[in-house]
Amino acid sequence: MPGDTKLSVLVRVEPGSLGPDGLDHVEGYCVVANKYFQKLYPQLIEWQIVPRYDKSLPEIDFCLNKKRLTLEQTNKMLELIDQNEEDFESETMEHISNLIDKYLGHQY
């Protein structure tokens, strides 16, 4: 992979996923989540975790050099970490969910 070219992964988190008062927490959660995600695949991925205020936008977007990737292009990039888009998205959302539980202090 050339120089400092990284796959940009934009993850949008719905405020409602942080509970009924999620609007009060989503921005703070995104700050924490960004710190966590920067440690995942740092050689390949530049993460951006943001609130999802517009539900017409997808939960996850993949870009390279500020251009949105097709599914085929995304899968080609994710092959570098032995992943495909479906599994990667599932793993990412599992991390999001687990971090929400920790952020809200849920104990099981």
N, C-alpha and C. Protein backbone atom coordinates (compact mmCIF):
# COMPACT_ATOMS: atom_id res chain seq x y z
N MET A 1 0.85 -1.17 0.00
CA MET A 1 0.00 0.00 0.00
C MET A 1 0.90 1.23 0.00
N PRO A 2 0.66 2.18 -0.89
CA PRO A 2 1.57 3.30 -1.03
C PRO A 2 1.59 4.22 0.19
N GLY A 3 2.81 4.57 0.57
CA GLY A 3 3.07 5.56 1.61
C GLY A 3 2.08 5.64 2.74
N ASP A 4 1.48 6.81 2.88
CA ASP A 4 0.58 7.02 4.00
C ASP A 4 -0.89 6.97 3.58
N THR A 5 -1.19 6.27 2.50
CA THR A 5 -2.57 6.11 2.06
C THR A 5 -3.25 5.10 2.97
N LYS A 6 -4.32 5.53 3.60
CA LYS A 6 -5.06 4.66 4.50
C LYS A 6 -6.52 4.63 4.10
N LEU A 7 -7.15 3.53 4.43
CA LEU A 7 -8.59 3.40 4.26
C LEU A 7 -9.25 4.25 5.34
N SER A 8 -10.14 5.14 4.94
CA SER A 8 -10.89 5.94 5.90
C SER A 8 -12.21 5.24 6.18
N VAL A 9 -12.46 4.99 7.46
CA VAL A 9 -13.71 4.34 7.86
C VAL A 9 -14.46 5.32 8.74
N LEU A 10 -15.62 5.74 8.25
CA LEU A 10 -16.48 6.66 8.98
C LEU A 10 -17.63 5.85 9.57
N VAL A 11 -17.72 5.85 10.90
CA VAL A 11 -18.78 5.12 11.59
C VAL A 11 -19.70 6.14 12.23
N ARG A 12 -20.99 6.04 11.91
CA ARG A 12 -21.98 6.95 12.48
C ARG A 12 -22.76 6.22 13.58
N VAL A 13 -22.81 6.82 14.76
CA VAL A 13 -23.47 6.22 15.91
C VAL A 13 -24.77 6.96 16.18
N GLU A 14 -25.88 6.21 16.20
CA GLU A 14 -27.17 6.82 16.47
C GLU A 14 -27.28 7.17 17.94
N PRO A 15 -27.72 8.38 18.25
CA PRO A 15 -27.88 8.77 19.65
C PRO A 15 -28.77 7.79 20.43
N GLY A 16 -29.79 7.27 19.80
CA GLY A 16 -30.71 6.34 20.46
C GLY A 16 -30.04 5.07 20.96
N SER A 17 -28.89 4.72 20.39
CA SER A 17 -28.20 3.51 20.83
C SER A 17 -27.56 3.71 22.21
N LEU A 18 -27.54 4.96 22.67
CA LEU A 18 -27.02 5.26 24.01
C LEU A 18 -28.16 5.47 25.00
N GLY A 19 -29.36 5.00 24.66
CA GLY A 19 -30.49 5.10 25.56
C GLY A 19 -31.37 6.30 25.27
N PRO A 20 -32.42 6.46 26.10
CA PRO A 20 -33.40 7.52 25.85
C PRO A 20 -32.82 8.93 25.90
N ASP A 21 -31.75 9.12 26.66
CA ASP A 21 -31.11 10.45 26.70
C ASP A 21 -29.79 10.44 25.91
N GLY A 22 -29.77 9.62 24.87
CA GLY A 22 -28.57 9.46 24.05
C GLY A 22 -28.07 10.74 23.41
N LEU A 23 -28.99 11.65 23.10
CA LEU A 23 -28.57 12.94 22.52
C LEU A 23 -27.62 13.68 23.45
N ASP A 24 -27.77 13.46 24.75
CA ASP A 24 -26.90 14.12 25.73
C ASP A 24 -25.53 13.46 25.83
N HIS A 25 -25.41 12.23 25.32
CA HIS A 25 -24.19 11.45 25.51
C HIS A 25 -23.41 11.15 24.23
N VAL A 26 -24.06 11.23 23.08
CA VAL A 26 -23.46 10.71 21.86
C VAL A 26 -22.15 11.40 21.48
N GLU A 27 -22.06 12.69 21.67
CA GLU A 27 -20.82 13.39 21.29
C GLU A 27 -19.66 12.98 22.19
N GLY A 28 -19.90 12.89 23.49
CA GLY A 28 -18.87 12.44 24.42
C GLY A 28 -18.46 11.01 24.15
N TYR A 29 -19.45 10.18 23.83
CA TYR A 29 -19.15 8.79 23.50
C TYR A 29 -18.24 8.72 22.27
N CYS A 30 -18.53 9.52 21.26
CA CYS A 30 -17.74 9.50 20.03
C CYS A 30 -16.28 9.88 20.29
N VAL A 31 -16.04 10.79 21.21
CA VAL A 31 -14.67 11.16 21.58
C VAL A 31 -13.94 9.94 22.14
N VAL A 32 -14.60 9.24 23.06
CA VAL A 32 -14.01 8.04 23.67
C VAL A 32 -13.81 6.96 22.61
N ALA A 33 -14.82 6.74 21.78
CA ALA A 33 -14.75 5.70 20.75
C ALA A 33 -13.63 5.98 19.75
N ASN A 34 -13.44 7.23 19.38
CA ASN A 34 -12.35 7.58 18.46
C ASN A 34 -11.00 7.18 19.03
N LYS A 35 -10.79 7.42 20.31
CA LYS A 35 -9.51 7.05 20.95
C LYS A 35 -9.32 5.54 20.90
N TYR A 36 -10.38 4.80 21.17
CA TYR A 36 -10.31 3.33 21.16
C TYR A 36 -10.02 2.81 19.75
N PHE A 37 -10.77 3.30 18.77
CA PHE A 37 -10.65 2.77 17.42
C PHE A 37 -9.32 3.10 16.76
N GLN A 38 -8.67 4.18 17.16
CA GLN A 38 -7.38 4.53 16.56
C GLN A 38 -6.34 3.43 16.75
N LYS A 39 -6.58 2.55 17.73
CA LYS A 39 -5.64 1.46 18.01
C LYS A 39 -5.90 0.23 17.15
N LEU A 40 -7.02 0.20 16.44
CA LEU A 40 -7.38 -0.95 15.61
C LEU A 40 -6.88 -0.76 14.18
N TYR A 41 -6.01 -1.64 13.74
CA TYR A 41 -5.47 -1.62 12.38
C TYR A 41 -4.86 -0.26 12.01
N PRO A 42 -4.04 0.32 12.87
CA PRO A 42 -3.52 1.67 12.59
C PRO A 42 -2.66 1.76 11.33
N GLN A 43 -2.11 0.64 10.88
CA GLN A 43 -1.29 0.65 9.67
C GLN A 43 -2.14 0.80 8.41
N LEU A 44 -3.43 0.49 8.50
CA LEU A 44 -4.29 0.49 7.32
C LEU A 44 -5.45 1.48 7.40
N ILE A 45 -5.97 1.68 8.62
CA ILE A 45 -7.25 2.39 8.74
C ILE A 45 -7.13 3.68 9.54
N GLU A 46 -7.79 4.70 9.01
CA GLU A 46 -7.99 5.96 9.72
C GLU A 46 -9.47 6.00 10.09
N TRP A 47 -9.77 5.97 11.37
CA TRP A 47 -11.15 5.90 11.86
C TRP A 47 -11.71 7.29 12.15
N GLN A 48 -13.01 7.41 11.96
CA GLN A 48 -13.72 8.60 12.39
C GLN A 48 -15.09 8.14 12.90
N ILE A 49 -15.31 8.32 14.20
CA ILE A 49 -16.58 7.93 14.83
C ILE A 49 -17.33 9.23 15.11
N VAL A 50 -18.53 9.35 14.54
CA VAL A 50 -19.32 10.57 14.66
C VAL A 50 -20.77 10.23 14.98
N PRO A 51 -21.52 11.20 15.53
CA PRO A 51 -22.94 10.97 15.75
C PRO A 51 -23.68 10.83 14.41
N ARG A 52 -24.71 10.02 14.41
CA ARG A 52 -25.53 9.85 13.21
C ARG A 52 -26.84 10.61 13.41
N TYR A 53 -26.81 11.88 13.08
CA TYR A 53 -28.00 12.71 13.21
C TYR A 53 -28.92 12.59 11.99
N ASP A 54 -28.36 12.19 10.87
CA ASP A 54 -29.12 12.05 9.62
C ASP A 54 -29.23 10.56 9.30
N LYS A 55 -30.42 10.00 9.52
CA LYS A 55 -30.61 8.56 9.32
C LYS A 55 -30.59 8.15 7.85
N SER A 56 -30.57 9.11 6.95
CA SER A 56 -30.48 8.75 5.53
C SER A 56 -29.05 8.36 5.15
N LEU A 57 -28.09 8.68 6.02
CA LEU A 57 -26.70 8.31 5.78
C LEU A 57 -26.43 6.92 6.33
N PRO A 58 -25.56 6.16 5.67
CA PRO A 58 -25.26 4.80 6.16
C PRO A 58 -24.50 4.84 7.49
N GLU A 59 -24.58 3.72 8.22
CA GLU A 59 -23.86 3.64 9.49
C GLU A 59 -22.35 3.65 9.28
N ILE A 60 -21.90 3.04 8.18
CA ILE A 60 -20.47 2.98 7.91
C ILE A 60 -20.20 3.37 6.46
N ASP A 61 -19.20 4.21 6.26
CA ASP A 61 -18.72 4.58 4.93
C ASP A 61 -17.24 4.25 4.84
N PHE A 62 -16.82 3.80 3.66
CA PHE A 62 -15.42 3.50 3.39
C PHE A 62 -14.94 4.42 2.28
N CYS A 63 -13.81 5.09 2.52
CA CYS A 63 -13.26 6.01 1.53
C CYS A 63 -11.76 5.82 1.41
N LEU A 64 -11.24 6.21 0.26
CA LEU A 64 -9.81 6.24 0.03
C LEU A 64 -9.52 7.53 -0.71
N ASN A 65 -8.61 8.33 -0.17
CA ASN A 65 -8.31 9.64 -0.76
C ASN A 65 -9.58 10.48 -0.93
N LYS A 66 -10.43 10.43 0.07
CA LYS A 66 -11.68 11.20 0.13
C LYS A 66 -12.71 10.79 -0.91
N LYS A 67 -12.54 9.63 -1.53
CA LYS A 67 -13.51 9.12 -2.50
C LYS A 67 -14.15 7.86 -1.92
N ARG A 68 -15.48 7.83 -1.97
CA ARG A 68 -16.22 6.69 -1.44
C ARG A 68 -15.92 5.45 -2.28
N LEU A 69 -15.72 4.33 -1.60
CA LEU A 69 -15.38 3.08 -2.28
C LEU A 69 -16.62 2.24 -2.56
N THR A 70 -16.55 1.47 -3.63
CA THR A 70 -17.59 0.48 -3.92
C THR A 70 -17.37 -0.71 -2.99
N LEU A 71 -18.32 -1.61 -2.96
CA LEU A 71 -18.19 -2.82 -2.16
C LEU A 71 -16.97 -3.62 -2.59
N GLU A 72 -16.77 -3.73 -3.89
CA GLU A 72 -15.62 -4.47 -4.42
C GLU A 72 -14.30 -3.82 -4.00
N GLN A 73 -14.21 -2.51 -4.09
CA GLN A 73 -13.00 -1.80 -3.69
C GLN A 73 -12.75 -1.93 -2.18
N THR A 74 -13.84 -1.85 -1.42
CA THR A 74 -13.72 -1.99 0.03
C THR A 74 -13.19 -3.36 0.39
N ASN A 75 -13.75 -4.40 -0.22
CA ASN A 75 -13.30 -5.76 0.07
C ASN A 75 -11.83 -5.95 -0.30
N LYS A 76 -11.41 -5.34 -1.39
CA LYS A 76 -10.00 -5.45 -1.80
C LYS A 76 -9.09 -4.84 -0.74
N MET A 77 -9.46 -3.70 -0.21
CA MET A 77 -8.67 -3.07 0.85
C MET A 77 -8.68 -3.92 2.13
N LEU A 78 -9.84 -4.44 2.47
CA LEU A 78 -9.96 -5.20 3.72
C LEU A 78 -9.26 -6.55 3.65
N GLU A 79 -8.99 -7.03 2.44
CA GLU A 79 -8.22 -8.27 2.30
C GLU A 79 -6.84 -8.13 2.94
N LEU A 80 -6.33 -6.92 3.01
CA LEU A 80 -5.02 -6.68 3.62
C LEU A 80 -4.99 -7.04 5.10
N ILE A 81 -6.17 -7.10 5.72
CA ILE A 81 -6.25 -7.51 7.13
C ILE A 81 -7.11 -8.77 7.27
N ASP A 82 -7.16 -9.54 6.18
CA ASP A 82 -7.91 -10.81 6.15
C ASP A 82 -9.36 -10.64 6.58
N GLN A 83 -10.01 -9.62 6.04
CA GLN A 83 -11.41 -9.34 6.34
C GLN A 83 -12.17 -9.12 5.04
N ASN A 84 -13.50 -9.17 5.15
CA ASN A 84 -14.37 -8.70 4.07
C ASN A 84 -15.31 -7.67 4.68
N GLU A 85 -16.03 -6.96 3.84
CA GLU A 85 -16.86 -5.85 4.31
C GLU A 85 -17.90 -6.30 5.33
N GLU A 86 -18.56 -7.41 5.06
CA GLU A 86 -19.63 -7.88 5.95
C GLU A 86 -19.08 -8.22 7.34
N ASP A 87 -18.01 -9.00 7.39
CA ASP A 87 -17.42 -9.38 8.68
C ASP A 87 -16.82 -8.17 9.39
N PHE A 88 -16.19 -7.29 8.63
CA PHE A 88 -15.57 -6.10 9.21
C PHE A 88 -16.64 -5.20 9.83
N GLU A 89 -17.74 -5.01 9.11
CA GLU A 89 -18.82 -4.18 9.61
C GLU A 89 -19.42 -4.78 10.88
N SER A 90 -19.59 -6.09 10.88
CA SER A 90 -20.13 -6.78 12.05
C SER A 90 -19.20 -6.62 13.25
N GLU A 91 -17.91 -6.81 13.03
CA GLU A 91 -16.92 -6.66 14.10
C GLU A 91 -16.90 -5.22 14.62
N THR A 92 -16.96 -4.27 13.71
CA THR A 92 -16.95 -2.85 14.09
C THR A 92 -18.16 -2.51 14.96
N MET A 93 -19.34 -2.97 14.55
CA MET A 93 -20.55 -2.66 15.31
C MET A 93 -20.55 -3.37 16.67
N GLU A 94 -19.90 -4.52 16.74
CA GLU A 94 -19.77 -5.20 18.04
C GLU A 94 -18.88 -4.37 18.97
N HIS A 95 -17.79 -3.82 18.43
CA HIS A 95 -16.94 -2.93 19.22
C HIS A 95 -17.74 -1.71 19.69
N ILE A 96 -18.52 -1.13 18.79
CA ILE A 96 -19.34 0.04 19.13
C ILE A 96 -20.28 -0.31 20.28
N SER A 97 -20.96 -1.44 20.18
CA SER A 97 -21.91 -1.87 21.20
C SER A 97 -21.23 -2.10 22.55
N ASN A 98 -20.10 -2.80 22.53
CA ASN A 98 -19.37 -3.06 23.77
C ASN A 98 -18.88 -1.77 24.42
N LEU A 99 -18.42 -0.84 23.58
CA LEU A 99 -17.96 0.45 24.11
C LEU A 99 -19.11 1.26 24.70
N ILE A 100 -20.29 1.16 24.09
CA ILE A 100 -21.47 1.85 24.63
C ILE A 100 -21.76 1.32 26.03
N ASP A 101 -21.74 -0.01 26.17
CA ASP A 101 -21.99 -0.61 27.49
C ASP A 101 -20.99 -0.11 28.52
N LYS A 102 -19.71 -0.08 28.14
CA LYS A 102 -18.68 0.40 29.07
C LYS A 102 -18.87 1.89 29.37
N TYR A 103 -19.16 2.65 28.33
CA TYR A 103 -19.32 4.10 28.48
C TYR A 103 -20.47 4.42 29.43
N LEU A 104 -21.55 3.65 29.32
CA LEU A 104 -22.72 3.89 30.17
C LEU A 104 -22.61 3.19 31.52
N GLY A 105 -21.53 2.42 31.72
CA GLY A 105 -21.31 1.77 33.00
C GLY A 105 -22.17 0.55 33.25
N HIS A 106 -22.64 -0.09 32.17
CA HIS A 106 -23.46 -1.29 32.34
C HIS A 106 -22.62 -2.43 32.89
N GLN A 107 -23.19 -3.17 33.80
CA GLN A 107 -22.51 -4.34 34.35
C GLN A 107 -23.43 -5.53 34.22
N TYR A 108 -22.84 -6.67 33.85
CA TYR A 108 -23.64 -7.88 33.65
C TYR A 108 -23.14 -8.98 34.54
